[in-house]
Amino acid sequence: MSNPKQLRFIISRNGDTAKTVLKTSYDIVSLPYLLSYVMGIFFEEYEDEGIGFSSSELTDMLLTMYPNDFAVSMDNADLVIDDLETWERNCSSYDTIRTIRIFKPKELNLSEKLFCKLKKHCKQNGFYAVYAETNEESLIIFYRPQSNQRVFGIRRNFYSKNGNSIEIGLLINENTFLWFKTAAIVSYKNNNLKPIFNDVIQEINKITIDEKALPQDKFRSPYVACLEYLSKYGYSIKTIEWE
């Protein structure tokens, strides 16, 4: 962000304003189109799951997807942008913006690429999938939307003491305590996506076809359980695009 005349703005929705002011070298003309692009990707990614996001989460998306173009500002905002009004004005241009790829986001990390491949595999088998992160780890949650279903997860710690590994497991609701139970661990030596994906799928198949599910393994509303777990442990849902 070398532009000395950085625009400082804050995102709002129906009066609910994000707490973080952002600064960017994008100008007032191009910024609304970028916001519409990011929102369009999210809506497309989670249109079936019915997962929404707040103005604060959209702020986090911009910082994650475009770390070189956006930063947190300690100054007051020059501009307040209502994200839904912006989307309504520019949504008709979303397909064009995406096709010409003028706002191509940063290169994805291993967890994000793995999610993109797993999401396609999960949907082919009737599962919905959500990608989320904290500062220390990434989590892919997948579930069938019907009631009384189990919720599965794939977790990768960025700073694991056990080396490069991925945990595959289940969300458990034990006496109203929601936690992640590891069922298998996949270790890997390099970031070659294909063998990692194959090993993870093999372990997923083992736990998803296991019919010995206990009552605490099942959730009346898997979607609600997913959101409750992410909120409880401080995860932020991320929107991802990779081709």
C-alpha atoms as a PDB file:
ATOM      1  CA  MET A   1       0.000   0.000   0.000  1.00  0.00           C
ATOM      2  CA  SER A   2       2.319   2.685  -1.248  1.00  0.00           C
ATOM      3  CA  ASN A   3      -0.354   5.282  -1.943  1.00  0.00           C
ATOM      4  CA  PRO A   4       0.128   8.095   0.630  1.00  0.00           C
ATOM      5  CA  LYS A   5      -3.539   9.121   0.309  1.00  0.00           C
ATOM      6  CA  GLN A   6      -4.961   5.982   1.840  1.00  0.00           C
ATOM      7  CA  LEU A   7      -8.694   5.721   2.238  1.00  0.00           C
ATOM      8  CA  ARG A   8      -9.829   4.931   5.761  1.00  0.00           C
ATOM      9  CA  PHE A   9     -13.224   3.293   6.003  1.00  0.00           C
ATOM     10  CA  ILE A  10     -15.428   1.142   8.184  1.00  0.00           C
ATOM     11  CA  ILE A  11     -18.056  -1.397   7.120  1.00  0.00           C
ATOM     12  CA  SER A  12     -21.628  -1.160   8.372  1.00  0.00           C
ATOM     13  CA  ARG A  13     -24.865  -3.084   7.894  1.00  0.00           C
ATOM     14  CA  ASN A  14     -28.243  -1.751   8.943  1.00  0.00           C
ATOM     15  CA  GLY A  15     -26.602   0.378  11.614  1.00  0.00           C
ATOM     16  CA  ASP A  16     -24.387  -2.461  12.907  1.00  0.00           C
ATOM     17  CA  THR A  17     -20.879  -1.083  12.415  1.00  0.00           C
ATOM     18  CA  ALA A  18     -17.682  -3.122  12.526  1.00  0.00           C
ATOM     19  CA  LYS A  19     -15.261  -2.232  15.307  1.00  0.00           C
ATOM     20  CA  THR A  20     -12.190  -2.118  13.064  1.00  0.00           C
ATOM     21  CA  VAL A  21     -11.287   0.775  10.775  1.00  0.00           C
ATOM     22  CA  LEU A  22      -9.398  -0.292   7.661  1.00  0.00           C
ATOM     23  CA  LYS A  23      -7.032   1.678   5.468  1.00  0.00           C
ATOM     24  CA  THR A  24      -6.467   0.912   1.808  1.00  0.00           C
ATOM     25  CA  SER A  25      -4.915   2.369  -1.319  1.00  0.00           C
ATOM     26  CA  TYR A  26      -8.094   1.495  -3.252  1.00  0.00           C
ATOM     27  CA  ASP A  27     -10.089   4.575  -4.138  1.00  0.00           C
ATOM     28  CA  ILE A  28     -13.777   5.250  -3.584  1.00  0.00           C
ATOM     29  CA  VAL A  29     -14.606   4.110  -7.121  1.00  0.00           C
ATOM     30  CA  SER A  30     -12.890   0.687  -7.079  1.00  0.00           C
ATOM     31  CA  LEU A  31     -13.440  -0.244  -3.411  1.00  0.00           C
ATOM     32  CA  PRO A  32     -17.201  -0.946  -3.692  1.00  0.00           C
ATOM     33  CA  TYR A  33     -16.550  -3.326  -6.594  1.00  0.00           C
ATOM     34  CA  LEU A  34     -13.928  -5.193  -4.591  1.00  0.00           C
ATOM     35  CA  LEU A  35     -16.337  -5.509  -1.657  1.00  0.00           C
ATOM     36  CA  SER A  36     -19.013  -6.831  -4.011  1.00  0.00           C
ATOM     37  CA  TYR A  37     -16.532  -9.355  -5.405  1.00  0.00           C
ATOM     38  CA  VAL A  38     -15.653 -10.704  -1.955  1.00  0.00           C
ATOM     39  CA  MET A  39     -19.303 -10.864  -0.909  1.00  0.00           C
ATOM     40  CA  GLY A  40     -20.219 -12.595  -4.164  1.00  0.00           C
ATOM     41  CA  ILE A  41     -17.611 -15.282  -3.572  1.00  0.00           C
ATOM     42  CA  PHE A  42     -18.971 -15.873  -0.073  1.00  0.00           C
ATOM     43  CA  PHE A  43     -22.603 -16.044  -1.206  1.00  0.00           C
ATOM     44  CA  GLU A  44     -21.612 -18.480  -3.946  1.00  0.00           C
ATOM     45  CA  GLU A  45     -19.514 -20.573  -1.566  1.00  0.00           C
ATOM     46  CA  TYR A  46     -22.216 -20.960   1.077  1.00  0.00           C
ATOM     47  CA  GLU A  47     -25.474 -20.445  -0.815  1.00  0.00           C
ATOM     48  CA  ASP A  48     -26.749 -23.924   0.124  1.00  0.00           C
ATOM     49  CA  GLU A  49     -25.570 -23.857   3.729  1.00  0.00           C
ATOM     50  CA  GLY A  50     -27.407 -20.642   4.569  1.00  0.00           C
ATOM     51  CA  ILE A  51     -24.394 -19.313   6.477  1.00  0.00           C
ATOM     52  CA  GLY A  52     -24.254 -15.558   6.834  1.00  0.00           C
ATOM     53  CA  PHE A  53     -21.543 -13.181   7.936  1.00  0.00           C
ATOM     54  CA  SER A  54     -21.369  -9.892   9.801  1.00  0.00           C
ATOM     55  CA  SER A  55     -19.741  -6.579   8.929  1.00  0.00           C
ATOM     56  CA  SER A  56     -16.865  -7.476  11.262  1.00  0.00           C
ATOM     57  CA  GLU A  57     -16.360 -10.820   9.522  1.00  0.00           C
ATOM     58  CA  LEU A  58     -16.300  -9.104   6.122  1.00  0.00           C
ATOM     59  CA  THR A  59     -13.599  -6.825   7.532  1.00  0.00           C
ATOM     60  CA  ASP A  60     -11.577  -9.907   8.520  1.00  0.00           C
ATOM     61  CA  MET A  61     -12.077 -11.400   5.044  1.00  0.00           C
ATOM     62  CA  LEU A  62     -10.490  -8.348   3.419  1.00  0.00           C
ATOM     63  CA  LEU A  63      -7.488  -8.519   5.760  1.00  0.00           C
ATOM     64  CA  THR A  64      -7.071 -12.243   5.068  1.00  0.00           C
ATOM     65  CA  MET A  65      -7.599 -12.278   1.307  1.00  0.00           C
ATOM     66  CA  TYR A  66      -5.714  -9.043   0.543  1.00  0.00           C
ATOM     67  CA  PRO A  67      -3.036  -8.578   3.225  1.00  0.00           C
ATOM     68  CA  ASN A  68      -1.028  -6.282   0.946  1.00  0.00           C
ATOM     69  CA  ASP A  69      -3.975  -4.013   0.164  1.00  0.00           C
ATOM     70  CA  PHE A  70      -5.709  -3.605   3.536  1.00  0.00           C
ATOM     71  CA  ALA A  71      -4.474  -2.893   7.038  1.00  0.00           C
ATOM     72  CA  VAL A  72      -5.962  -1.887  10.379  1.00  0.00           C
ATOM     73  CA  SER A  73      -6.011   1.867  10.990  1.00  0.00           C
ATOM     74  CA  MET A  74      -5.946   3.526  14.392  1.00  0.00           C
ATOM     75  CA  ASP A  75      -7.395   6.735  12.942  1.00  0.00           C
ATOM     76  CA  ASN A  76     -11.033   7.648  12.467  1.00  0.00           C
ATOM     77  CA  ALA A  77     -12.794   6.485   9.306  1.00  0.00           C
ATOM     78  CA  ASP A  78     -13.210   8.868   6.377  1.00  0.00           C
ATOM     79  CA  LEU A  79     -16.092   6.797   5.060  1.00  0.00           C
ATOM     80  CA  VAL A  80     -18.768   4.375   6.273  1.00  0.00           C
ATOM     81  CA  ILE A  81     -19.748   1.740   3.696  1.00  0.00           C
ATOM     82  CA  ASP A  82     -22.970  -0.254   4.029  1.00  0.00           C
ATOM     83  CA  ASP A  83     -22.059  -3.649   2.599  1.00  0.00           C
ATOM     84  CA  LEU A  84     -25.578  -4.789   1.661  1.00  0.00           C
ATOM     85  CA  GLU A  85     -26.350  -1.516  -0.116  1.00  0.00           C
ATOM     86  CA  THR A  86     -23.044  -1.867  -1.943  1.00  0.00           C
ATOM     87  CA  TRP A  87     -23.917  -5.435  -2.954  1.00  0.00           C
ATOM     88  CA  GLU A  88     -27.369  -4.434  -4.184  1.00  0.00           C
ATOM     89  CA  ARG A  89     -25.858  -1.719  -6.388  1.00  0.00           C
ATOM     90  CA  ASN A  90     -23.090  -3.888  -7.850  1.00  0.00           C
ATOM     91  CA  CYS A  91     -24.296  -7.504  -7.740  1.00  0.00           C
ATOM     92  CA  SER A  92     -25.233  -7.420 -11.422  1.00  0.00           C
ATOM     93  CA  SER A  93     -21.531  -6.860 -12.177  1.00  0.00           C
ATOM     94  CA  TYR A  94     -20.281  -9.764 -10.048  1.00  0.00           C
ATOM     95  CA  ASP A  95     -19.976 -12.328 -12.865  1.00  0.00           C
ATOM     96  CA  THR A  96     -18.057  -9.856 -15.005  1.00  0.00           C
ATOM     97  CA  ILE A  97     -15.725  -8.897 -12.136  1.00  0.00           C
ATOM     98  CA  ARG A  98     -14.991 -12.536 -11.383  1.00  0.00           C
ATOM     99  CA  THR A  99     -14.455 -13.478 -15.025  1.00  0.00           C
ATOM    100  CA  ILE A 100     -11.838 -10.812 -15.694  1.00  0.00           C
ATOM    101  CA  ARG A 101     -10.182 -11.550 -12.305  1.00  0.00           C
ATOM    102  CA  ILE A 102      -9.110  -7.993 -11.582  1.00  0.00           C
ATOM    103  CA  PHE A 103      -9.308  -8.659  -7.837  1.00  0.00           C
ATOM    104  CA  LYS A 104      -7.491 -11.991  -7.758  1.00  0.00           C
ATOM    105  CA  PRO A 105      -6.735 -12.775  -4.081  1.00  0.00           C
ATOM    106  CA  LYS A 106      -3.460 -13.978  -2.599  1.00  0.00           C
ATOM    107  CA  GLU A 107      -2.071 -17.461  -3.182  1.00  0.00           C
ATOM    108  CA  LEU A 108      -3.812 -20.013  -0.974  1.00  0.00           C
ATOM    109  CA  ASN A 109      -2.058 -21.980   1.731  1.00  0.00           C
ATOM    110  CA  LEU A 110      -2.165 -25.772   1.984  1.00  0.00           C
ATOM    111  CA  SER A 111      -5.222 -25.832   4.269  1.00  0.00           C
ATOM    112  CA  GLU A 112      -7.211 -23.586   1.935  1.00  0.00           C
ATOM    113  CA  LYS A 113      -6.320 -25.646  -1.143  1.00  0.00           C
ATOM    114  CA  LEU A 114      -7.204 -28.842   0.701  1.00  0.00           C
ATOM    115  CA  PHE A 115     -10.551 -27.336   1.674  1.00  0.00           C
ATOM    116  CA  CYS A 116     -11.387 -26.493  -1.938  1.00  0.00           C
ATOM    117  CA  LYS A 117     -10.780 -30.080  -3.019  1.00  0.00           C
ATOM    118  CA  LEU A 118     -12.606 -31.533  -0.023  1.00  0.00           C
ATOM    119  CA  LYS A 119     -15.601 -29.247  -0.458  1.00  0.00           C
ATOM    120  CA  LYS A 120     -16.207 -30.635  -3.946  1.00  0.00           C
ATOM    121  CA  HIS A 121     -15.818 -34.202  -2.689  1.00  0.00           C
ATOM    122  CA  CYS A 122     -18.132 -33.552   0.272  1.00  0.00           C
ATOM    123  CA  LYS A 123     -20.891 -32.017  -1.839  1.00  0.00           C
ATOM    124  CA  GLN A 124     -20.820 -35.017  -4.179  1.00  0.00           C
ATOM    125  CA  ASN A 125     -21.560 -37.166  -1.132  1.00  0.00           C
ATOM    126  CA  GLY A 126     -24.318 -34.992   0.311  1.00  0.00           C
ATOM    127  CA  PHE A 127     -22.241 -32.987   2.790  1.00  0.00           C
ATOM    128  CA  TYR A 128     -21.968 -29.243   3.308  1.00  0.00           C
ATOM    129  CA  ALA A 129     -18.526 -27.884   4.167  1.00  0.00           C
ATOM    130  CA  VAL A 130     -17.268 -24.780   5.986  1.00  0.00           C
ATOM    131  CA  TYR A 131     -13.705 -23.459   6.257  1.00  0.00           C
ATOM    132  CA  ALA A 132     -12.624 -21.461   9.316  1.00  0.00           C
ATOM    133  CA  GLU A 133      -9.422 -20.309  10.987  1.00  0.00           C
ATOM    134  CA  THR A 134      -7.932 -18.972  14.187  1.00  0.00           C
ATOM    135  CA  ASN A 135      -4.436 -17.502  14.433  1.00  0.00           C
ATOM    136  CA  GLU A 136      -3.100 -20.967  15.226  1.00  0.00           C
ATOM    137  CA  GLU A 137      -5.081 -23.469  13.186  1.00  0.00           C
ATOM    138  CA  SER A 138      -7.470 -24.139  10.344  1.00  0.00           C
ATOM    139  CA  LEU A 139     -10.624 -26.230  10.528  1.00  0.00           C
ATOM    140  CA  ILE A 140     -12.806 -27.777   7.847  1.00  0.00           C
ATOM    141  CA  ILE A 141     -16.222 -28.800   9.145  1.00  0.00           C
ATOM    142  CA  PHE A 142     -18.548 -30.935   7.045  1.00  0.00           C
ATOM    143  CA  TYR A 143     -22.009 -32.260   7.805  1.00  0.00           C
ATOM    144  CA  ARG A 144     -25.243 -33.436   6.252  1.00  0.00           C
ATOM    145  CA  PRO A 145     -28.017 -30.850   6.711  1.00  0.00           C
ATOM    146  CA  GLN A 146     -30.667 -33.292   7.933  1.00  0.00           C
ATOM    147  CA  SER A 147     -31.472 -33.567  11.656  1.00  0.00           C
ATOM    148  CA  ASN A 148     -29.777 -36.068  13.976  1.00  0.00           C
ATOM    149  CA  GLN A 149     -26.533 -36.174  12.021  1.00  0.00           C
ATOM    150  CA  ARG A 150     -22.899 -36.223  13.053  1.00  0.00           C
ATOM    151  CA  VAL A 151     -20.592 -33.271  12.369  1.00  0.00           C
ATOM    152  CA  PHE A 152     -17.085 -34.074  11.139  1.00  0.00           C
ATOM    153  CA  GLY A 153     -13.961 -31.966  11.198  1.00  0.00           C
ATOM    154  CA  ILE A 154     -10.471 -31.766   9.711  1.00  0.00           C
ATOM    155  CA  ARG A 155      -8.045 -29.723  11.783  1.00  0.00           C
ATOM    156  CA  ARG A 156      -4.497 -28.527  11.074  1.00  0.00           C
ATOM    157  CA  ASN A 157      -2.377 -26.671  13.610  1.00  0.00           C
ATOM    158  CA  PHE A 158       0.011 -24.189  12.001  1.00  0.00           C
ATOM    159  CA  TYR A 159       2.556 -24.571  14.833  1.00  0.00           C
ATOM    160  CA  SER A 160       2.156 -28.212  15.805  1.00  0.00           C
ATOM    161  CA  LYS A 161       4.952 -29.726  17.925  1.00  0.00           C
ATOM    162  CA  ASN A 162       4.204 -33.071  16.270  1.00  0.00           C
ATOM    163  CA  GLY A 163       5.359 -31.923  12.848  1.00  0.00           C
ATOM    164  CA  ASN A 164       3.187 -31.716   9.756  1.00  0.00           C
ATOM    165  CA  SER A 165      -0.065 -33.482  10.499  1.00  0.00           C
ATOM    166  CA  ILE A 166      -3.818 -33.192  10.004  1.00  0.00           C
ATOM    167  CA  GLU A 167      -6.424 -34.394  12.494  1.00  0.00           C
ATOM    168  CA  ILE A 168      -9.694 -35.938  11.347  1.00  0.00           C
ATOM    169  CA  GLY A 169     -12.457 -36.224  13.922  1.00  0.00           C
ATOM    170  CA  LEU A 170     -15.968 -35.535  15.185  1.00  0.00           C
ATOM    171  CA  LEU A 171     -17.734 -32.817  17.112  1.00  0.00           C
ATOM    172  CA  ILE A 172     -18.986 -34.254  20.398  1.00  0.00           C
ATOM    173  CA  ASN A 173     -21.712 -32.811  22.629  1.00  0.00           C
ATOM    174  CA  GLU A 174     -21.099 -34.321  26.050  1.00  0.00           C
ATOM    175  CA  ASN A 175     -23.201 -32.930  28.887  1.00  0.00           C
ATOM    176  CA  THR A 176     -23.663 -29.673  26.916  1.00  0.00           C
ATOM    177  CA  PHE A 177     -19.863 -29.429  26.457  1.00  0.00           C
ATOM    178  CA  LEU A 178     -18.976 -29.146  22.766  1.00  0.00           C
ATOM    179  CA  TRP A 179     -15.529 -30.428  21.783  1.00  0.00           C
ATOM    180  CA  PHE A 180     -13.504 -31.961  18.958  1.00  0.00           C
ATOM    181  CA  LYS A 181     -12.650 -35.666  19.263  1.00  0.00           C
ATOM    182  CA  THR A 182      -9.726 -36.802  17.111  1.00  0.00           C
ATOM    183  CA  ALA A 183     -10.367 -40.101  15.320  1.00  0.00           C
ATOM    184  CA  ALA A 184      -7.297 -40.237  13.049  1.00  0.00           C
ATOM    185  CA  ILE A 185      -4.111 -38.313  12.246  1.00  0.00           C
ATOM    186  CA  VAL A 186      -2.593 -37.985   8.779  1.00  0.00           C
ATOM    187  CA  SER A 187       1.120 -37.082   8.719  1.00  0.00           C
ATOM    188  CA  TYR A 188       2.878 -35.648   5.688  1.00  0.00           C
ATOM    189  CA  LYS A 189       6.463 -34.685   4.805  1.00  0.00           C
ATOM    190  CA  ASN A 190       5.834 -32.029   2.142  1.00  0.00           C
ATOM    191  CA  ASN A 191       3.037 -29.879   0.776  1.00  0.00           C
ATOM    192  CA  ASN A 192       2.202 -32.137  -2.171  1.00  0.00           C
ATOM    193  CA  LEU A 193      -1.578 -31.762  -2.163  1.00  0.00           C
ATOM    194  CA  LYS A 194      -2.629 -34.938  -4.004  1.00  0.00           C
ATOM    195  CA  PRO A 195      -1.274 -37.602  -1.596  1.00  0.00           C
ATOM    196  CA  ILE A 196      -2.433 -35.558   1.413  1.00  0.00           C
ATOM    197  CA  PHE A 197      -5.923 -35.307  -0.072  1.00  0.00           C
ATOM    198  CA  ASN A 198      -6.016 -39.055  -0.795  1.00  0.00           C
ATOM    199  CA  ASP A 199      -4.904 -39.959   2.739  1.00  0.00           C
ATOM    200  CA  VAL A 200      -7.431 -37.583   4.313  1.00  0.00           C
ATOM    201  CA  ILE A 201     -10.268 -38.955   2.158  1.00  0.00           C
ATOM    202  CA  GLN A 202      -9.345 -42.484   3.177  1.00  0.00           C
ATOM    203  CA  GLU A 203      -9.658 -41.591   6.863  1.00  0.00           C
ATOM    204  CA  ILE A 204     -12.865 -39.605   6.267  1.00  0.00           C
ATOM    205  CA  ASN A 205     -14.446 -42.616   4.609  1.00  0.00           C
ATOM    206  CA  LYS A 206     -13.633 -44.745   7.641  1.00  0.00           C
ATOM    207  CA  ILE A 207     -15.390 -42.503  10.141  1.00  0.00           C
ATOM    208  CA  THR A 208     -18.341 -41.461   7.957  1.00  0.00           C
ATOM    209  CA  ILE A 209     -19.396 -45.045   7.196  1.00  0.00           C
ATOM    210  CA  ASP A 210     -19.067 -46.137  10.819  1.00  0.00           C
ATOM    211  CA  GLU A 211     -22.613 -46.908  11.944  1.00  0.00           C
ATOM    212  CA  LYS A 212     -21.712 -47.175  15.662  1.00  0.00           C
ATOM    213  CA  ALA A 213     -22.630 -43.576  16.385  1.00  0.00           C
ATOM    214  CA  LEU A 214     -23.343 -42.692  20.009  1.00  0.00           C
ATOM    215  CA  PRO A 215     -26.135 -40.273  21.007  1.00  0.00           C
ATOM    216  CA  GLN A 216     -23.608 -37.529  21.860  1.00  0.00           C
ATOM    217  CA  ASP A 217     -22.172 -37.870  18.335  1.00  0.00           C
ATOM    218  CA  LYS A 218     -25.416 -36.702  16.731  1.00  0.00           C
ATOM    219  CA  PHE A 219     -26.870 -33.211  16.553  1.00  0.00           C
ATOM    220  CA  ARG A 220     -30.487 -32.260  16.058  1.00  0.00           C
ATOM    221  CA  SER A 221     -29.318 -29.284  13.997  1.00  0.00           C
ATOM    222  CA  PRO A 222     -25.817 -29.906  12.544  1.00  0.00           C
ATOM    223  CA  TYR A 223     -25.708 -26.388  11.082  1.00  0.00           C
ATOM    224  CA  VAL A 224     -26.328 -24.784  14.499  1.00  0.00           C
ATOM    225  CA  ALA A 225     -23.764 -27.090  16.128  1.00  0.00           C
ATOM    226  CA  CYS A 226     -21.219 -26.037  13.519  1.00  0.00           C
ATOM    227  CA  LEU A 227     -21.739 -22.333  14.195  1.00  0.00           C
ATOM    228  CA  GLU A 228     -21.773 -22.820  17.975  1.00  0.00           C
ATOM    229  CA  TYR A 229     -18.451 -24.648  17.880  1.00  0.00           C
ATOM    230  CA  LEU A 230     -16.798 -22.035  15.657  1.00  0.00           C
ATOM    231  CA  SER A 231     -18.053 -19.220  17.878  1.00  0.00           C
ATOM    232  CA  LYS A 232     -17.064 -20.942  21.133  1.00  0.00           C
ATOM    233  CA  TYR A 233     -13.464 -21.502  20.059  1.00  0.00           C
ATOM    234  CA  GLY A 234     -12.923 -18.195  18.280  1.00  0.00           C
ATOM    235  CA  TYR A 235     -12.885 -19.343  14.660  1.00  0.00           C
ATOM    236  CA  SER A 236     -13.640 -17.016  11.753  1.00  0.00           C
ATOM    237  CA  ILE A 237     -15.319 -18.408   8.635  1.00  0.00           C
ATOM    238  CA  LYS A 238     -13.235 -17.657   5.546  1.00  0.00           C
ATOM    239  CA  THR A 239     -14.330 -17.287   1.967  1.00  0.00           C
ATOM    240  CA  ILE A 240     -11.966 -18.899  -0.521  1.00  0.00           C
ATOM    241  CA  GLU A 241     -11.605 -18.931  -4.282  1.00  0.00           C
ATOM    242  CA  TRP A 242      -9.245 -21.275  -6.089  1.00  0.00           C
ATOM    243  CA  GLU A 243      -9.298 -22.658  -9.588  1.00  0.00           C
END
